[in-house]
Amino acid sequence: MAPALVWQKSSFSGDEDAPNCLELATHEGAALLRESDAPGDVLRTRPQALAGLIRHVCATATAGNPRSGRRSPGSRPSS
């Protein structure tokens, strides 16, 4: 019998019982993602692809945000 998957909630989910949480597990070298309110819908991807998505989202979210401490590619520091 295969061991049960261990799902980890995102640290941004807050309360343990929050209904809309992103959860992550690994199985046979794949990264699995699901939303806690739809646990039967599971997205399976390679860990490298998930890491690339996270890098892209972080770069896009912080581009041009002066409070982020990061600059978008090609931007110049302000004088």
PDB file of N, CA and C in Angstrom:
ATOM      1  N   MET A   1       0.835  -1.183   0.000  1.00  0.00           N
ATOM      2  CA  MET A   1       0.000   0.000   0.000  1.00  0.00           C
ATOM      3  C   MET A   1       0.882   1.249   0.000  1.00  0.00           C
ATOM      4  N   ALA A   2       0.565   2.185  -0.873  1.00  0.00           N
ATOM      5  CA  ALA A   2       1.348   3.418  -0.976  1.00  0.00           C
ATOM      6  C   ALA A   2       1.074   4.318   0.235  1.00  0.00           C
ATOM      7  N   PRO A   3       2.128   4.990   0.733  1.00  0.00           N
ATOM      8  CA  PRO A   3       1.921   5.898   1.867  1.00  0.00           C
ATOM      9  C   PRO A   3       1.049   7.083   1.442  1.00  0.00           C
ATOM     10  N   ALA A   4       0.291   7.611   2.395  1.00  0.00           N
ATOM     11  CA  ALA A   4      -0.563   8.772   2.129  1.00  0.00           C
ATOM     12  C   ALA A   4       0.315   9.989   1.853  1.00  0.00           C
ATOM     13  N   LEU A   5      -0.165  10.854   0.975  1.00  0.00           N
ATOM     14  CA  LEU A   5       0.562  12.088   0.697  1.00  0.00           C
ATOM     15  C   LEU A   5       0.485  13.000   1.908  1.00  0.00           C
ATOM     16  N   VAL A   6       1.576  13.718   2.146  1.00  0.00           N
ATOM     17  CA  VAL A   6       1.609  14.703   3.228  1.00  0.00           C
ATOM     18  C   VAL A   6       1.530  16.068   2.569  1.00  0.00           C
ATOM     19  N   TRP A   7       0.410  16.769   2.751  1.00  0.00           N
ATOM     20  CA  TRP A   7       0.196  18.083   2.151  1.00  0.00           C
ATOM     21  C   TRP A   7       0.623  19.160   3.118  1.00  0.00           C
ATOM     22  N   GLN A   8       1.357  20.137   2.613  1.00  0.00           N
ATOM     23  CA  GLN A   8       1.816  21.278   3.420  1.00  0.00           C
ATOM     24  C   GLN A   8       1.113  22.534   2.926  1.00  0.00           C
ATOM     25  N   LYS A   9       0.526  23.290   3.852  1.00  0.00           N
ATOM     26  CA  LYS A   9      -0.152  24.528   3.479  1.00  0.00           C
ATOM     27  C   LYS A   9       0.846  25.650   3.299  1.00  0.00           C
ATOM     28  N   SER A  10       0.518  26.576   2.421  1.00  0.00           N
ATOM     29  CA  SER A  10       1.332  27.759   2.211  1.00  0.00           C
ATOM     30  C   SER A  10       1.412  28.560   3.501  1.00  0.00           C
ATOM     31  N   SER A  11       2.569  29.164   3.750  1.00  0.00           N
ATOM     32  CA  SER A  11       2.724  30.008   4.942  1.00  0.00           C
ATOM     33  C   SER A  11       1.864  31.257   4.848  1.00  0.00           C
ATOM     34  N   PHE A  12       1.389  31.604   3.645  1.00  0.00           N
ATOM     35  CA  PHE A  12       0.528  32.768   3.464  1.00  0.00           C
ATOM     36  C   PHE A  12      -0.933  32.437   3.741  1.00  0.00           C
ATOM     37  N   SER A  13      -1.236  31.178   4.029  1.00  0.00           N
ATOM     38  CA  SER A  13      -2.619  30.777   4.242  1.00  0.00           C
ATOM     39  C   SER A  13      -3.167  31.231   5.584  1.00  0.00           C
ATOM     40  N   GLY A  14      -2.272  31.535   6.511  1.00  0.00           N
ATOM     41  CA  GLY A  14      -2.729  32.014   7.817  1.00  0.00           C
ATOM     42  C   GLY A  14      -3.279  30.894   8.662  1.00  0.00           C
ATOM     43  N   ASP A  15      -4.515  31.069   9.105  1.00  0.00           N
ATOM     44  CA  ASP A  15      -5.193  30.150  10.005  1.00  0.00           C
ATOM     45  C   ASP A  15      -5.169  28.717   9.475  1.00  0.00           C
ATOM     46  N   GLU A  16      -4.936  27.784  10.354  1.00  0.00           N
ATOM     47  CA  GLU A  16      -4.903  26.345   9.995  1.00  0.00           C
ATOM     48  C   GLU A  16      -6.188  25.900   9.306  1.00  0.00           C
ATOM     49  N   ASP A  17      -7.317  26.511   9.683  1.00  0.00           N
ATOM     50  CA  ASP A  17      -8.606  26.110   9.128  1.00  0.00           C
ATOM     51  C   ASP A  17      -9.065  27.010   7.990  1.00  0.00           C
ATOM     52  N   ALA A  18      -8.182  27.866   7.485  1.00  0.00           N
ATOM     53  CA  ALA A  18      -8.567  28.761   6.389  1.00  0.00           C
ATOM     54  C   ALA A  18      -9.031  27.928   5.196  1.00  0.00           C
ATOM     55  N   PRO A  19     -10.155  28.306   4.567  1.00  0.00           N
ATOM     56  CA  PRO A  19     -10.718  27.471   3.508  1.00  0.00           C
ATOM     57  C   PRO A  19     -10.023  27.571   2.147  1.00  0.00           C
ATOM     58  N   ASN A  20      -9.339  28.656   1.861  1.00  0.00           N
ATOM     59  CA  ASN A  20      -8.731  28.857   0.538  1.00  0.00           C
ATOM     60  C   ASN A  20      -7.217  28.866   0.655  1.00  0.00           C
ATOM     61  N   CYS A  21      -6.641  27.702   0.773  1.00  0.00           N
ATOM     62  CA  CYS A  21      -5.199  27.585   0.970  1.00  0.00           C
ATOM     63  C   CYS A  21      -4.572  26.792  -0.165  1.00  0.00           C
ATOM     64  N   LEU A  22      -3.393  27.212  -0.562  1.00  0.00           N
ATOM     65  CA  LEU A  22      -2.614  26.445  -1.523  1.00  0.00           C
ATOM     66  C   LEU A  22      -1.834  25.404  -0.732  1.00  0.00           C
ATOM     67  N   GLU A  23      -1.889  24.165  -1.189  1.00  0.00           N
ATOM     68  CA  GLU A  23      -1.188  23.080  -0.514  1.00  0.00           C
ATOM     69  C   GLU A  23      -0.228  22.416  -1.497  1.00  0.00           C
ATOM     70  N   LEU A  24       0.894  21.929  -0.979  1.00  0.00           N
ATOM     71  CA  LEU A  24       1.957  21.337  -1.783  1.00  0.00           C
ATOM     72  C   LEU A  24       2.346  19.997  -1.182  1.00  0.00           C
ATOM     73  N   ALA A  25       2.581  19.022  -2.050  1.00  0.00           N
ATOM     74  CA  ALA A  25       3.109  17.719  -1.645  1.00  0.00           C
ATOM     75  C   ALA A  25       4.066  17.251  -2.733  1.00  0.00           C
ATOM     76  N   THR A  26       4.848  16.243  -2.432  1.00  0.00           N
ATOM     77  CA  THR A  26       5.710  15.628  -3.441  1.00  0.00           C
ATOM     78  C   THR A  26       5.373  14.140  -3.521  1.00  0.00           C
ATOM     79  N   HIS A  27       5.532  13.602  -4.728  1.00  0.00           N
ATOM     80  CA  HIS A  27       5.279  12.177  -4.935  1.00  0.00           C
ATOM     81  C   HIS A  27       6.053  11.718  -6.159  1.00  0.00           C
ATOM     82  N   GLU A  28       6.900  10.727  -5.952  1.00  0.00           N
ATOM     83  CA  GLU A  28       7.689  10.133  -7.032  1.00  0.00           C
ATOM     84  C   GLU A  28       8.411  11.195  -7.867  1.00  0.00           C
ATOM     85  N   GLY A  29       9.019  12.151  -7.193  1.00  0.00           N
ATOM     86  CA  GLY A  29       9.810  13.179  -7.871  1.00  0.00           C
ATOM     87  C   GLY A  29       9.026  14.325  -8.468  1.00  0.00           C
ATOM     88  N   ALA A  30       7.709  14.318  -8.313  1.00  0.00           N
ATOM     89  CA  ALA A  30       6.873  15.394  -8.865  1.00  0.00           C
ATOM     90  C   ALA A  30       6.394  16.307  -7.739  1.00  0.00           C
ATOM     91  N   ALA A  31       6.128  17.555  -8.088  1.00  0.00           N
ATOM     92  CA  ALA A  31       5.508  18.500  -7.169  1.00  0.00           C
ATOM     93  C   ALA A  31       4.015  18.480  -7.444  1.00  0.00           C
ATOM     94  N   LEU A  32       3.223  18.374  -6.390  1.00  0.00           N
ATOM     95  CA  LEU A  32       1.773  18.346  -6.505  1.00  0.00           C
ATOM     96  C   LEU A  32       1.202  19.580  -5.825  1.00  0.00           C
ATOM     97  N   LEU A  33       0.269  20.238  -6.473  1.00  0.00           N
ATOM     98  CA  LEU A  33      -0.372  21.433  -5.927  1.00  0.00           C
ATOM     99  C   LEU A  33      -1.879  21.234  -5.929  1.00  0.00           C
ATOM    100  N   ARG A  34      -2.531  21.768  -4.912  1.00  0.00           N
ATOM    101  CA  ARG A  34      -3.994  21.754  -4.875  1.00  0.00           C
ATOM    102  C   ARG A  34      -4.478  22.912  -4.023  1.00  0.00           C
ATOM    103  N   GLU A  35      -5.723  23.262  -4.194  1.00  0.00           N
ATOM    104  CA  GLU A  35      -6.362  24.265  -3.356  1.00  0.00           C
ATOM    105  C   GLU A  35      -7.185  23.503  -2.326  1.00  0.00           C
ATOM    106  N   SER A  36      -7.126  23.931  -1.080  1.00  0.00           N
ATOM    107  CA  SER A  36      -7.755  23.155  -0.018  1.00  0.00           C
ATOM    108  C   SER A  36      -9.265  23.005  -0.182  1.00  0.00           C
ATOM    109  N   ASP A  37      -9.918  23.963  -0.837  1.00  0.00           N
ATOM    110  CA  ASP A  37     -11.370  23.820  -1.011  1.00  0.00           C
ATOM    111  C   ASP A  37     -11.734  22.939  -2.212  1.00  0.00           C
ATOM    112  N   ALA A  38     -10.729  22.457  -2.956  1.00  0.00           N
ATOM    113  CA  ALA A  38     -10.951  21.516  -4.067  1.00  0.00           C
ATOM    114  C   ALA A  38      -9.855  20.451  -4.028  1.00  0.00           C
ATOM    115  N   PRO A  39      -9.808  19.653  -2.967  1.00  0.00           N
ATOM    116  CA  PRO A  39      -8.693  18.714  -2.786  1.00  0.00           C
ATOM    117  C   PRO A  39      -8.592  17.622  -3.837  1.00  0.00           C
ATOM    118  N   GLY A  40      -9.646  17.396  -4.601  1.00  0.00           N
ATOM    119  CA  GLY A  40      -9.586  16.378  -5.648  1.00  0.00           C
ATOM    120  C   GLY A  40      -8.935  16.861  -6.926  1.00  0.00           C
ATOM    121  N   ASP A  41      -8.775  18.181  -7.078  1.00  0.00           N
ATOM    122  CA  ASP A  41      -8.140  18.768  -8.261  1.00  0.00           C
ATOM    123  C   ASP A  41      -6.665  18.995  -7.956  1.00  0.00           C
ATOM    124  N   VAL A  42      -5.817  18.159  -8.506  1.00  0.00           N
ATOM    125  CA  VAL A  42      -4.384  18.211  -8.204  1.00  0.00           C
ATOM    126  C   VAL A  42      -3.600  18.501  -9.480  1.00  0.00           C
ATOM    127  N   LEU A  43      -2.727  19.476  -9.394  1.00  0.00           N
ATOM    128  CA  LEU A  43      -1.828  19.826 -10.494  1.00  0.00           C
ATOM    129  C   LEU A  43      -0.486  19.154 -10.223  1.00  0.00           C
ATOM    130  N   ARG A  44       0.000  18.389 -11.203  1.00  0.00           N
ATOM    131  CA  ARG A  44       1.282  17.677 -11.076  1.00  0.00           C
ATOM    132  C   ARG A  44       2.267  18.325 -12.029  1.00  0.00           C
ATOM    133  N   THR A  45       3.453  18.654 -11.521  1.00  0.00           N
ATOM    134  CA  THR A  45       4.479  19.285 -12.348  1.00  0.00           C
ATOM    135  C   THR A  45       5.858  18.880 -11.851  1.00  0.00           C
ATOM    136  N   ARG A  46       6.857  19.233 -12.633  1.00  0.00           N
ATOM    137  CA  ARG A  46       8.240  18.993 -12.212  1.00  0.00           C
ATOM    138  C   ARG A  46       8.639  20.088 -11.219  1.00  0.00           C
ATOM    139  N   PRO A  47       9.428  19.765 -10.200  1.00  0.00           N
ATOM    140  CA  PRO A  47       9.866  20.780  -9.242  1.00  0.00           C
ATOM    141  C   PRO A  47      10.572  21.963  -9.918  1.00  0.00           C
ATOM    142  N   GLN A  48      11.337  21.700 -10.995  1.00  0.00           N
ATOM    143  CA  GLN A  48      12.036  22.773 -11.696  1.00  0.00           C
ATOM    144  C   GLN A  48      11.041  23.735 -12.349  1.00  0.00           C
ATOM    145  N   ALA A  49       9.970  23.210 -12.883  1.00  0.00           N
ATOM    146  CA  ALA A  49       8.950  24.055 -13.509  1.00  0.00           C
ATOM    147  C   ALA A  49       8.242  24.901 -12.457  1.00  0.00           C
ATOM    148  N   LEU A  50       7.943  24.320 -11.310  1.00  0.00           N
ATOM    149  CA  LEU A  50       7.310  25.072 -10.227  1.00  0.00           C
ATOM    150  C   LEU A  50       8.239  26.176  -9.736  1.00  0.00           C
ATOM    151  N   ALA A  51       9.518  25.875  -9.601  1.00  0.00           N
ATOM    152  CA  ALA A  51      10.490  26.888  -9.168  1.00  0.00           C
ATOM    153  C   ALA A  51      10.556  28.033 -10.176  1.00  0.00           C
ATOM    154  N   GLY A  52      10.522  27.716 -11.466  1.00  0.00           N
ATOM    155  CA  GLY A  52      10.523  28.751 -12.500  1.00  0.00           C
ATOM    156  C   GLY A  52       9.284  29.622 -12.424  1.00  0.00           C
ATOM    157  N   LEU A  53       8.124  29.018 -12.183  1.00  0.00           N
ATOM    158  CA  LEU A  53       6.887  29.779 -12.039  1.00  0.00           C
ATOM    159  C   LEU A  53       6.974  30.719 -10.841  1.00  0.00           C
ATOM    160  N   ILE A  54       7.460  30.217  -9.723  1.00  0.00           N
ATOM    161  CA  ILE A  54       7.582  31.041  -8.517  1.00  0.00           C
ATOM    162  C   ILE A  54       8.534  32.207  -8.756  1.00  0.00           C
ATOM    163  N   ARG A  55       9.675  31.940  -9.415  1.00  0.00           N
ATOM    164  CA  ARG A  55      10.614  33.035  -9.725  1.00  0.00           C
ATOM    165  C   ARG A  55       9.953  34.084 -10.600  1.00  0.00           C
ATOM    166  N   HIS A  56       9.213  33.652 -11.610  1.00  0.00           N
ATOM    167  CA  HIS A  56       8.545  34.587 -12.517  1.00  0.00           C
ATOM    168  C   HIS A  56       7.488  35.419 -11.771  1.00  0.00           C
ATOM    169  N   VAL A  57       6.681  34.763 -10.962  1.00  0.00           N
ATOM    170  CA  VAL A  57       5.646  35.485 -10.210  1.00  0.00           C
ATOM    171  C   VAL A  57       6.276  36.486  -9.258  1.00  0.00           C
ATOM    172  N   CYS A  58       7.318  36.095  -8.566  1.00  0.00           N
ATOM    173  CA  CYS A  58       7.989  37.017  -7.638  1.00  0.00           C
ATOM    174  C   CYS A  58       8.595  38.199  -8.382  1.00  0.00           C
ATOM    175  N   ALA A  59       9.232  37.950  -9.497  1.00  0.00           N
ATOM    176  CA  ALA A  59       9.850  39.033 -10.269  1.00  0.00           C
ATOM    177  C   ALA A  59       8.787  39.974 -10.816  1.00  0.00           C
ATOM    178  N   THR A  60       7.680  39.426 -11.274  1.00  0.00           N
ATOM    179  CA  THR A  60       6.604  40.249 -11.822  1.00  0.00           C
ATOM    180  C   THR A  60       5.920  41.051 -10.729  1.00  0.00           C
ATOM    181  N   ALA A  61       5.713  40.436  -9.582  1.00  0.00           N
ATOM    182  CA  ALA A  61       5.024  41.107  -8.478  1.00  0.00           C
ATOM    183  C   ALA A  61       5.849  42.240  -7.888  1.00  0.00           C
ATOM    184  N   THR A  62       7.172  42.099  -7.918  1.00  0.00           N
ATOM    185  CA  THR A  62       8.021  43.115  -7.295  1.00  0.00           C
ATOM    186  C   THR A  62       8.540  44.141  -8.288  1.00  0.00           C
ATOM    187  N   ALA A  63       8.380  43.917  -9.581  1.00  0.00           N
ATOM    188  CA  ALA A  63       8.883  44.854 -10.595  1.00  0.00           C
ATOM    189  C   ALA A  63       8.179  46.198 -10.443  1.00  0.00           C
ATOM    190  N   GLY A  64       8.978  47.230 -10.270  1.00  0.00           N
ATOM    191  CA  GLY A  64       8.431  48.574 -10.177  1.00  0.00           C
ATOM    192  C   GLY A  64       7.841  48.919  -8.825  1.00  0.00           C
ATOM    193  N   ASN A  65       7.889  48.021  -7.858  1.00  0.00           N
ATOM    194  CA  ASN A  65       7.371  48.303  -6.529  1.00  0.00           C
ATOM    195  C   ASN A  65       8.503  48.856  -5.681  1.00  0.00           C
ATOM    196  N   PRO A  66       8.493  50.163  -5.361  1.00  0.00           N
ATOM    197  CA  PRO A  66       9.611  50.759  -4.632  1.00  0.00           C
ATOM    198  C   PRO A  66       9.775  50.184  -3.233  1.00  0.00           C
ATOM    199  N   ARG A  67       8.730  49.608  -2.670  1.00  0.00           N
ATOM    200  CA  ARG A  67       8.843  49.044  -1.324  1.00  0.00           C
ATOM    201  C   ARG A  67       9.427  47.643  -1.330  1.00  0.00           C
ATOM    202  N   SER A  68       9.574  47.035  -2.486  1.00  0.00           N
ATOM    203  CA  SER A  68      10.052  45.659  -2.544  1.00  0.00           C
ATOM    204  C   SER A  68      11.557  45.544  -2.367  1.00  0.00           C
ATOM    205  N   GLY A  69      12.281  46.625  -2.619  1.00  0.00           N
ATOM    206  CA  GLY A  69      13.730  46.562  -2.537  1.00  0.00           C
ATOM    207  C   GLY A  69      14.370  45.940  -3.756  1.00  0.00           C
ATOM    208  N   ARG A  70      13.554  45.584  -4.756  1.00  0.00           N
ATOM    209  CA  ARG A  70      14.066  44.986  -5.989  1.00  0.00           C
ATOM    210  C   ARG A  70      13.682  45.874  -7.149  1.00  0.00           C
ATOM    211  N   ARG A  71      14.491  45.827  -8.185  1.00  0.00           N
ATOM    212  CA  ARG A  71      14.206  46.601  -9.390  1.00  0.00           C
ATOM    213  C   ARG A  71      13.853  45.668 -10.518  1.00  0.00           C
ATOM    214  N   SER A  72      13.062  46.138 -11.418  1.00  0.00           N
ATOM    215  CA  SER A  72      12.763  45.326 -12.589  1.00  0.00           C
ATOM    216  C   SER A  72      13.990  45.294 -13.490  1.00  0.00           C
ATOM    217  N   PRO A  73      14.151  44.243 -14.284  1.00  0.00           N
ATOM    218  CA  PRO A  73      15.310  44.140 -15.160  1.00  0.00           C
ATOM    219  C   PRO A  73      15.412  45.354 -16.073  1.00  0.00           C
ATOM    220  N   GLY A  74      16.615  45.891 -16.189  1.00  0.00           N
ATOM    221  CA  GLY A  74      16.848  47.032 -17.065  1.00  0.00           C
ATOM    222  C   GLY A  74      16.555  48.375 -16.437  1.00  0.00           C
ATOM    223  N   SER A  75      16.009  48.382 -15.229  1.00  0.00           N
ATOM    224  CA  SER A  75      15.728  49.679 -14.589  1.00  0.00           C
ATOM    225  C   SER A  75      16.986  50.222 -13.941  1.00  0.00           C
ATOM    226  N   ARG A  76      17.017  51.532 -13.779  1.00  0.00           N
ATOM    227  CA  ARG A  76      18.172  52.173 -13.157  1.00  0.00           C
ATOM    228  C   ARG A  76      17.821  52.592 -11.747  1.00  0.00           C
ATOM    229  N   PRO A  77      18.815  52.562 -10.862  1.00  0.00           N
ATOM    230  CA  PRO A  77      18.558  53.027  -9.495  1.00  0.00           C
ATOM    231  C   PRO A  77      18.268  54.521  -9.529  1.00  0.00           C
ATOM    232  N   SER A  78      17.380  54.966  -8.636  1.00  0.00           N
ATOM    233  CA  SER A  78      17.068  56.398  -8.587  1.00  0.00           C
ATOM    234  C   SER A  78      18.195  57.148  -7.895  1.00  0.00           C
ATOM    235  N   SER A  79      18.404  58.397  -8.286  1.00  0.00           N
ATOM    236  CA  SER A  79      19.492  59.186  -7.709  1.00  0.00           C
ATOM    237  C   SER A  79      18.975  60.058  -6.603  1.00  0.00           C
TER     238      SER A  79
END
